[in-house]
Amino acid sequence: MLVVCSFAEEKRKQTLREHGIRVEQLPTATPDGRPNMTSLVELLGELEITSLLIEGGAMINWAALDSGIVDKVFFYYAPKLLAGTGSVPFATASGFKRMSEAAYVKSIRLHRFGEDFAVEGYLRDPYRD
């Protein structure tokens, strides 16, 4: 098992190592502590890992989008709407300033799971780019 972090307490890392878990620390990319996603992909490449699933919060999601490492997205939705302080954005940071800069999802497929659904699509084709 592998755990990758951009910051962690030494005691926690040592506890993981004592349980046989490999811990890798990456440099941060920004002053606000977002991980250097390019370094993550380079590390995974050295380990011959060719696929990565990111299940992150708004800061991690933006770090991945901003770094250009995202090929495919899979968004899960429930038929419920939130707004205000209880809602959680998909991505947070400086973001795309204009609609022309926005990430465009192509080759969209919809999936249903009872009342819930998911949107699957590609930001870029990893085999062509």
N, C-alpha and C. Protein backbone atom coordinates (compact mmCIF):
# COMPACT_ATOMS: atom_id res chain seq x y z
N MET A 1 0.84 -1.17 0.00
CA MET A 1 0.00 0.00 0.00
C MET A 1 0.89 1.24 0.00
N LEU A 2 0.37 2.29 -0.62
CA LEU A 2 1.11 3.54 -0.75
C LEU A 2 0.24 4.69 -0.30
N VAL A 3 0.79 5.57 0.53
CA VAL A 3 0.14 6.81 0.93
C VAL A 3 1.04 7.95 0.46
N VAL A 4 0.45 8.91 -0.24
CA VAL A 4 1.20 10.06 -0.72
C VAL A 4 0.60 11.30 -0.07
N CYS A 5 1.44 12.16 0.48
CA CYS A 5 0.96 13.37 1.15
C CYS A 5 1.85 14.54 0.79
N SER A 6 1.29 15.74 0.93
CA SER A 6 2.12 16.93 0.72
C SER A 6 2.57 17.50 2.06
N PHE A 7 1.91 17.13 3.13
CA PHE A 7 2.37 17.44 4.47
C PHE A 7 1.70 16.46 5.43
N ALA A 8 2.44 16.04 6.42
CA ALA A 8 1.92 15.13 7.44
C ALA A 8 2.86 15.14 8.63
N GLU A 9 2.31 14.89 9.79
CA GLU A 9 3.12 14.82 10.99
C GLU A 9 4.03 13.59 10.92
N GLU A 10 5.26 13.76 11.35
CA GLU A 10 6.23 12.67 11.29
C GLU A 10 5.75 11.45 12.08
N LYS A 11 5.10 11.68 13.20
CA LYS A 11 4.60 10.57 14.03
C LYS A 11 3.57 9.73 13.25
N ARG A 12 2.69 10.39 12.54
CA ARG A 12 1.68 9.66 11.75
C ARG A 12 2.32 8.88 10.61
N LYS A 13 3.30 9.50 9.96
CA LYS A 13 3.99 8.79 8.87
C LYS A 13 4.70 7.56 9.42
N GLN A 14 5.33 7.70 10.58
CA GLN A 14 6.04 6.59 11.18
C GLN A 14 5.08 5.46 11.55
N THR A 15 3.93 5.79 12.07
CA THR A 15 2.92 4.78 12.41
C THR A 15 2.50 4.00 11.17
N LEU A 16 2.29 4.69 10.07
CA LEU A 16 1.95 4.01 8.82
C LEU A 16 3.07 3.09 8.38
N ARG A 17 4.29 3.58 8.43
CA ARG A 17 5.45 2.76 8.03
C ARG A 17 5.57 1.51 8.89
N GLU A 18 5.28 1.64 10.18
CA GLU A 18 5.34 0.49 11.08
C GLU A 18 4.32 -0.59 10.71
N HIS A 19 3.28 -0.19 10.00
CA HIS A 19 2.26 -1.14 9.53
C HIS A 19 2.54 -1.60 8.09
N GLY A 20 3.74 -1.33 7.61
CA GLY A 20 4.12 -1.80 6.28
C GLY A 20 3.63 -0.95 5.14
N ILE A 21 3.21 0.25 5.42
CA ILE A 21 2.69 1.14 4.39
C ILE A 21 3.79 2.10 3.94
N ARG A 22 3.99 2.17 2.64
CA ARG A 22 4.98 3.09 2.08
C ARG A 22 4.40 4.50 2.11
N VAL A 23 5.17 5.46 2.59
CA VAL A 23 4.73 6.85 2.67
C VAL A 23 5.69 7.71 1.85
N GLU A 24 5.14 8.45 0.91
CA GLU A 24 5.92 9.37 0.08
C GLU A 24 5.42 10.78 0.33
N GLN A 25 6.32 11.71 0.51
CA GLN A 25 5.97 13.10 0.71
C GLN A 25 6.35 13.89 -0.53
N LEU A 26 5.40 14.69 -1.00
CA LEU A 26 5.62 15.52 -2.19
C LEU A 26 5.77 16.98 -1.80
N PRO A 27 6.48 17.75 -2.61
CA PRO A 27 6.56 19.18 -2.35
C PRO A 27 5.21 19.84 -2.64
N THR A 28 4.89 20.92 -1.93
CA THR A 28 3.66 21.65 -2.21
C THR A 28 3.87 22.54 -3.41
N ALA A 29 2.81 22.77 -4.15
CA ALA A 29 2.90 23.58 -5.36
C ALA A 29 2.55 25.04 -5.10
N THR A 30 1.77 25.28 -4.07
CA THR A 30 1.30 26.65 -3.83
C THR A 30 1.44 27.00 -2.35
N PRO A 31 1.45 28.28 -2.04
CA PRO A 31 1.53 28.70 -0.64
C PRO A 31 0.34 28.22 0.20
N ASP A 32 -0.81 27.96 -0.45
CA ASP A 32 -1.98 27.51 0.32
C ASP A 32 -1.96 26.01 0.61
N GLY A 33 -0.86 25.32 0.24
CA GLY A 33 -0.71 23.93 0.62
C GLY A 33 -1.22 22.91 -0.36
N ARG A 34 -1.67 23.35 -1.53
CA ARG A 34 -2.13 22.36 -2.52
C ARG A 34 -0.96 21.50 -2.97
N PRO A 35 -1.20 20.22 -3.17
CA PRO A 35 -0.10 19.32 -3.56
C PRO A 35 0.37 19.58 -4.99
N ASN A 36 1.61 19.23 -5.23
CA ASN A 36 2.19 19.33 -6.56
C ASN A 36 1.77 18.09 -7.33
N MET A 37 0.70 18.21 -8.10
CA MET A 37 0.13 17.06 -8.79
C MET A 37 1.06 16.53 -9.89
N THR A 38 1.85 17.39 -10.48
CA THR A 38 2.81 16.93 -11.48
C THR A 38 3.84 16.01 -10.84
N SER A 39 4.31 16.38 -9.64
CA SER A 39 5.24 15.51 -8.92
C SER A 39 4.60 14.18 -8.58
N LEU A 40 3.31 14.21 -8.25
CA LEU A 40 2.59 12.97 -7.95
C LEU A 40 2.58 12.05 -9.16
N VAL A 41 2.25 12.59 -10.31
CA VAL A 41 2.19 11.78 -11.53
C VAL A 41 3.59 11.25 -11.88
N GLU A 42 4.61 12.06 -11.69
CA GLU A 42 5.98 11.60 -11.96
C GLU A 42 6.36 10.45 -11.02
N LEU A 43 6.01 10.57 -9.73
CA LEU A 43 6.27 9.50 -8.77
C LEU A 43 5.56 8.22 -9.18
N LEU A 44 4.28 8.33 -9.53
CA LEU A 44 3.52 7.15 -9.94
C LEU A 44 4.11 6.52 -11.20
N GLY A 45 4.59 7.35 -12.11
CA GLY A 45 5.24 6.84 -13.32
C GLY A 45 6.49 6.04 -12.99
N GLU A 46 7.28 6.54 -12.04
CA GLU A 46 8.48 5.81 -11.60
C GLU A 46 8.11 4.46 -11.00
N LEU A 47 6.93 4.39 -10.37
CA LEU A 47 6.46 3.15 -9.77
C LEU A 47 5.68 2.28 -10.78
N GLU A 48 5.65 2.73 -12.04
CA GLU A 48 4.95 2.05 -13.14
C GLU A 48 3.45 1.94 -12.89
N ILE A 49 2.91 2.94 -12.23
CA ILE A 49 1.46 3.04 -12.04
C ILE A 49 0.93 3.97 -13.12
N THR A 50 0.01 3.48 -13.95
CA THR A 50 -0.43 4.24 -15.12
C THR A 50 -1.84 4.78 -15.00
N SER A 51 -2.51 4.55 -13.87
CA SER A 51 -3.86 5.03 -13.69
C SER A 51 -4.02 5.58 -12.28
N LEU A 52 -4.75 6.66 -12.14
CA LEU A 52 -4.91 7.31 -10.86
C LEU A 52 -6.36 7.74 -10.70
N LEU A 53 -6.99 7.36 -9.60
CA LEU A 53 -8.34 7.80 -9.25
C LEU A 53 -8.20 8.84 -8.16
N ILE A 54 -8.72 10.03 -8.40
CA ILE A 54 -8.65 11.09 -7.41
C ILE A 54 -10.05 11.29 -6.84
N GLU A 55 -10.20 11.05 -5.57
CA GLU A 55 -11.44 11.35 -4.85
C GLU A 55 -11.07 12.39 -3.81
N GLY A 56 -11.16 13.62 -4.20
CA GLY A 56 -10.69 14.67 -3.31
C GLY A 56 -11.74 15.71 -3.05
N GLY A 57 -11.36 16.63 -2.21
CA GLY A 57 -12.21 17.78 -1.95
C GLY A 57 -11.93 18.87 -2.96
N ALA A 58 -12.51 20.01 -2.72
CA ALA A 58 -12.44 21.12 -3.68
C ALA A 58 -11.00 21.56 -3.96
N MET A 59 -10.13 21.58 -2.95
CA MET A 59 -8.76 22.02 -3.15
C MET A 59 -7.97 21.00 -3.99
N ILE A 60 -8.14 19.72 -3.70
CA ILE A 60 -7.45 18.68 -4.47
C ILE A 60 -7.96 18.65 -5.91
N ASN A 61 -9.29 18.76 -6.06
CA ASN A 61 -9.86 18.74 -7.41
C ASN A 61 -9.30 19.87 -8.26
N TRP A 62 -9.21 21.09 -7.69
CA TRP A 62 -8.66 22.20 -8.45
C TRP A 62 -7.18 21.99 -8.75
N ALA A 63 -6.43 21.48 -7.79
CA ALA A 63 -5.01 21.23 -8.01
C ALA A 63 -4.81 20.28 -9.19
N ALA A 64 -5.64 19.25 -9.28
CA ALA A 64 -5.54 18.30 -10.38
C ALA A 64 -5.92 18.95 -11.70
N LEU A 65 -7.02 19.67 -11.73
CA LEU A 65 -7.43 20.36 -12.97
C LEU A 65 -6.40 21.39 -13.41
N ASP A 66 -5.94 22.18 -12.47
CA ASP A 66 -5.00 23.26 -12.77
C ASP A 66 -3.67 22.72 -13.30
N SER A 67 -3.26 21.54 -12.84
CA SER A 67 -1.99 20.97 -13.27
C SER A 67 -2.06 20.32 -14.65
N GLY A 68 -3.27 20.07 -15.15
CA GLY A 68 -3.41 19.47 -16.46
C GLY A 68 -3.27 17.95 -16.48
N ILE A 69 -3.36 17.30 -15.32
CA ILE A 69 -3.18 15.84 -15.30
C ILE A 69 -4.49 15.08 -15.51
N VAL A 70 -5.63 15.78 -15.52
CA VAL A 70 -6.93 15.10 -15.60
C VAL A 70 -7.29 14.79 -17.05
N ASP A 71 -7.53 13.50 -17.29
CA ASP A 71 -8.00 13.06 -18.61
C ASP A 71 -9.51 12.85 -18.61
N LYS A 72 -9.99 12.22 -17.54
CA LYS A 72 -11.39 11.79 -17.47
C LYS A 72 -12.01 12.23 -16.16
N VAL A 73 -13.30 12.58 -16.20
CA VAL A 73 -14.03 12.93 -14.99
C VAL A 73 -15.26 12.04 -14.86
N PHE A 74 -15.66 11.82 -13.63
CA PHE A 74 -16.85 11.03 -13.32
C PHE A 74 -17.53 11.72 -12.16
N PHE A 75 -18.60 12.46 -12.44
CA PHE A 75 -19.30 13.23 -11.43
C PHE A 75 -20.56 12.50 -10.97
N TYR A 76 -20.71 12.30 -9.68
CA TYR A 76 -21.90 11.70 -9.11
C TYR A 76 -22.84 12.80 -8.62
N TYR A 77 -24.13 12.63 -8.90
CA TYR A 77 -25.13 13.60 -8.48
C TYR A 77 -26.29 12.90 -7.78
N ALA A 78 -26.85 13.55 -6.80
CA ALA A 78 -28.08 13.12 -6.16
C ALA A 78 -29.13 14.20 -6.44
N PRO A 79 -30.40 13.85 -6.46
CA PRO A 79 -31.42 14.85 -6.78
C PRO A 79 -31.72 15.76 -5.58
N LYS A 80 -30.67 16.40 -5.08
CA LYS A 80 -30.80 17.32 -3.95
C LYS A 80 -29.97 18.56 -4.23
N LEU A 81 -30.48 19.71 -3.86
CA LEU A 81 -29.78 20.96 -4.09
C LEU A 81 -29.40 21.60 -2.76
N LEU A 82 -28.16 22.04 -2.66
CA LEU A 82 -27.68 22.76 -1.49
C LEU A 82 -27.13 24.10 -1.94
N ALA A 83 -27.13 25.05 -1.05
CA ALA A 83 -26.53 26.34 -1.34
C ALA A 83 -26.11 26.96 -0.01
N GLY A 84 -25.27 27.94 -0.08
CA GLY A 84 -24.86 28.63 1.13
C GLY A 84 -23.75 27.91 1.87
N THR A 85 -23.71 28.10 3.17
CA THR A 85 -22.59 27.60 3.97
C THR A 85 -22.55 26.08 4.05
N GLY A 86 -23.66 25.37 3.84
CA GLY A 86 -23.66 23.92 3.92
C GLY A 86 -23.22 23.23 2.65
N SER A 87 -23.07 23.98 1.57
CA SER A 87 -22.71 23.36 0.30
C SER A 87 -21.20 23.26 0.14
N VAL A 88 -20.77 22.30 -0.66
CA VAL A 88 -19.35 22.07 -0.89
C VAL A 88 -19.09 22.20 -2.39
N PRO A 89 -18.22 23.10 -2.82
CA PRO A 89 -17.95 23.25 -4.25
C PRO A 89 -17.12 22.09 -4.78
N PHE A 90 -17.22 21.84 -6.07
CA PHE A 90 -16.41 20.79 -6.70
C PHE A 90 -14.93 21.17 -6.66
N ALA A 91 -14.65 22.42 -6.98
CA ALA A 91 -13.26 22.89 -7.00
C ALA A 91 -13.22 24.31 -6.46
N THR A 92 -12.12 24.62 -5.77
CA THR A 92 -11.99 25.97 -5.23
C THR A 92 -10.55 26.44 -5.38
N ALA A 93 -10.40 27.65 -5.78
CA ALA A 93 -9.13 28.35 -5.94
C ALA A 93 -9.38 29.48 -6.91
N SER A 94 -8.36 29.90 -7.63
CA SER A 94 -8.56 31.01 -8.56
C SER A 94 -9.51 30.63 -9.68
N GLY A 95 -9.51 29.38 -10.08
CA GLY A 95 -10.46 28.90 -11.09
C GLY A 95 -10.22 29.48 -12.48
N PHE A 96 -11.12 29.11 -13.37
CA PHE A 96 -11.09 29.63 -14.73
C PHE A 96 -11.82 30.96 -14.73
N LYS A 97 -11.21 31.98 -15.30
CA LYS A 97 -11.78 33.33 -15.25
C LYS A 97 -12.85 33.57 -16.32
N ARG A 98 -12.72 32.91 -17.46
CA ARG A 98 -13.64 33.13 -18.57
C ARG A 98 -14.21 31.79 -19.04
N MET A 99 -15.38 31.84 -19.63
CA MET A 99 -16.00 30.64 -20.16
C MET A 99 -15.09 29.98 -21.20
N SER A 100 -14.34 30.78 -21.95
CA SER A 100 -13.44 30.24 -22.98
C SER A 100 -12.28 29.45 -22.37
N GLU A 101 -11.98 29.65 -21.07
CA GLU A 101 -10.91 28.93 -20.39
C GLU A 101 -11.41 27.67 -19.68
N ALA A 102 -12.71 27.55 -19.56
CA ALA A 102 -13.30 26.47 -18.76
C ALA A 102 -12.91 25.09 -19.31
N ALA A 103 -12.82 24.13 -18.40
CA ALA A 103 -12.57 22.74 -18.79
C ALA A 103 -13.82 22.24 -19.51
N TYR A 104 -13.65 21.71 -20.69
CA TYR A 104 -14.77 21.24 -21.51
C TYR A 104 -14.80 19.72 -21.51
N VAL A 105 -15.90 19.16 -21.06
CA VAL A 105 -16.05 17.71 -20.97
C VAL A 105 -16.67 17.20 -22.26
N LYS A 106 -15.97 16.24 -22.90
CA LYS A 106 -16.41 15.68 -24.18
C LYS A 106 -16.75 14.20 -24.03
N SER A 107 -17.38 13.64 -25.04
CA SER A 107 -17.73 12.21 -25.07
C SER A 107 -18.47 11.80 -23.80
N ILE A 108 -19.51 12.53 -23.50
CA ILE A 108 -20.25 12.34 -22.25
C ILE A 108 -21.13 11.10 -22.30
N ARG A 109 -21.11 10.36 -21.18
CA ARG A 109 -22.01 9.23 -20.96
C ARG A 109 -22.72 9.46 -19.63
N LEU A 110 -24.01 9.15 -19.59
CA LEU A 110 -24.78 9.27 -18.36
C LEU A 110 -25.03 7.89 -17.78
N HIS A 111 -24.98 7.80 -16.46
CA HIS A 111 -25.22 6.54 -15.75
C HIS A 111 -26.27 6.81 -14.68
N ARG A 112 -27.21 5.88 -14.51
CA ARG A 112 -28.24 6.01 -13.47
C ARG A 112 -28.02 4.98 -12.39
N PHE A 113 -28.21 5.40 -11.14
CA PHE A 113 -28.12 4.53 -9.97
C PHE A 113 -29.35 4.83 -9.10
N GLY A 114 -30.48 4.23 -9.44
CA GLY A 114 -31.72 4.58 -8.74
C GLY A 114 -32.05 6.03 -9.04
N GLU A 115 -32.23 6.84 -8.00
CA GLU A 115 -32.51 8.27 -8.20
C GLU A 115 -31.25 9.06 -8.53
N ASP A 116 -30.10 8.54 -8.17
CA ASP A 116 -28.84 9.24 -8.41
C ASP A 116 -28.38 8.99 -9.85
N PHE A 117 -27.46 9.83 -10.30
CA PHE A 117 -26.89 9.63 -11.63
C PHE A 117 -25.45 10.13 -11.64
N ALA A 118 -24.74 9.77 -12.68
CA ALA A 118 -23.35 10.21 -12.85
C ALA A 118 -23.13 10.65 -14.29
N VAL A 119 -22.24 11.58 -14.44
CA VAL A 119 -21.81 12.06 -15.75
C VAL A 119 -20.35 11.66 -15.91
N GLU A 120 -20.05 10.93 -16.96
CA GLU A 120 -18.70 10.49 -17.27
C GLU A 120 -18.28 11.16 -18.57
N GLY A 121 -17.07 11.67 -18.62
CA GLY A 121 -16.61 12.30 -19.85
C GLY A 121 -15.11 12.57 -19.80
N TYR A 122 -14.59 13.05 -20.90
CA TYR A 122 -13.15 13.27 -21.05
C TYR A 122 -12.84 14.74 -21.25
N LEU A 123 -11.80 15.19 -20.56
CA LEU A 123 -11.26 16.53 -20.80
C LEU A 123 -10.28 16.49 -21.95
N ARG A 124 -9.61 15.36 -22.10
CA ARG A 124 -8.68 15.16 -23.22
C ARG A 124 -8.50 13.66 -23.41
N ASP A 125 -8.11 13.29 -24.59
CA ASP A 125 -7.86 11.88 -24.91
C ASP A 125 -6.40 11.60 -24.61
N PRO A 126 -6.11 10.79 -23.59
CA PRO A 126 -4.71 10.55 -23.22
C PRO A 126 -3.92 9.81 -24.29
N TYR A 127 -4.60 9.20 -25.24
CA TYR A 127 -3.92 8.47 -26.29
C TYR A 127 -3.63 9.32 -27.51
N ARG A 128 -4.20 10.50 -27.58
CA ARG A 128 -3.96 11.40 -28.70
C ARG A 128 -3.09 12.59 -28.31
N ASP A 129 -3.21 13.06 -27.07
CA ASP A 129 -2.49 14.26 -26.64
C ASP A 129 -1.08 13.93 -26.21
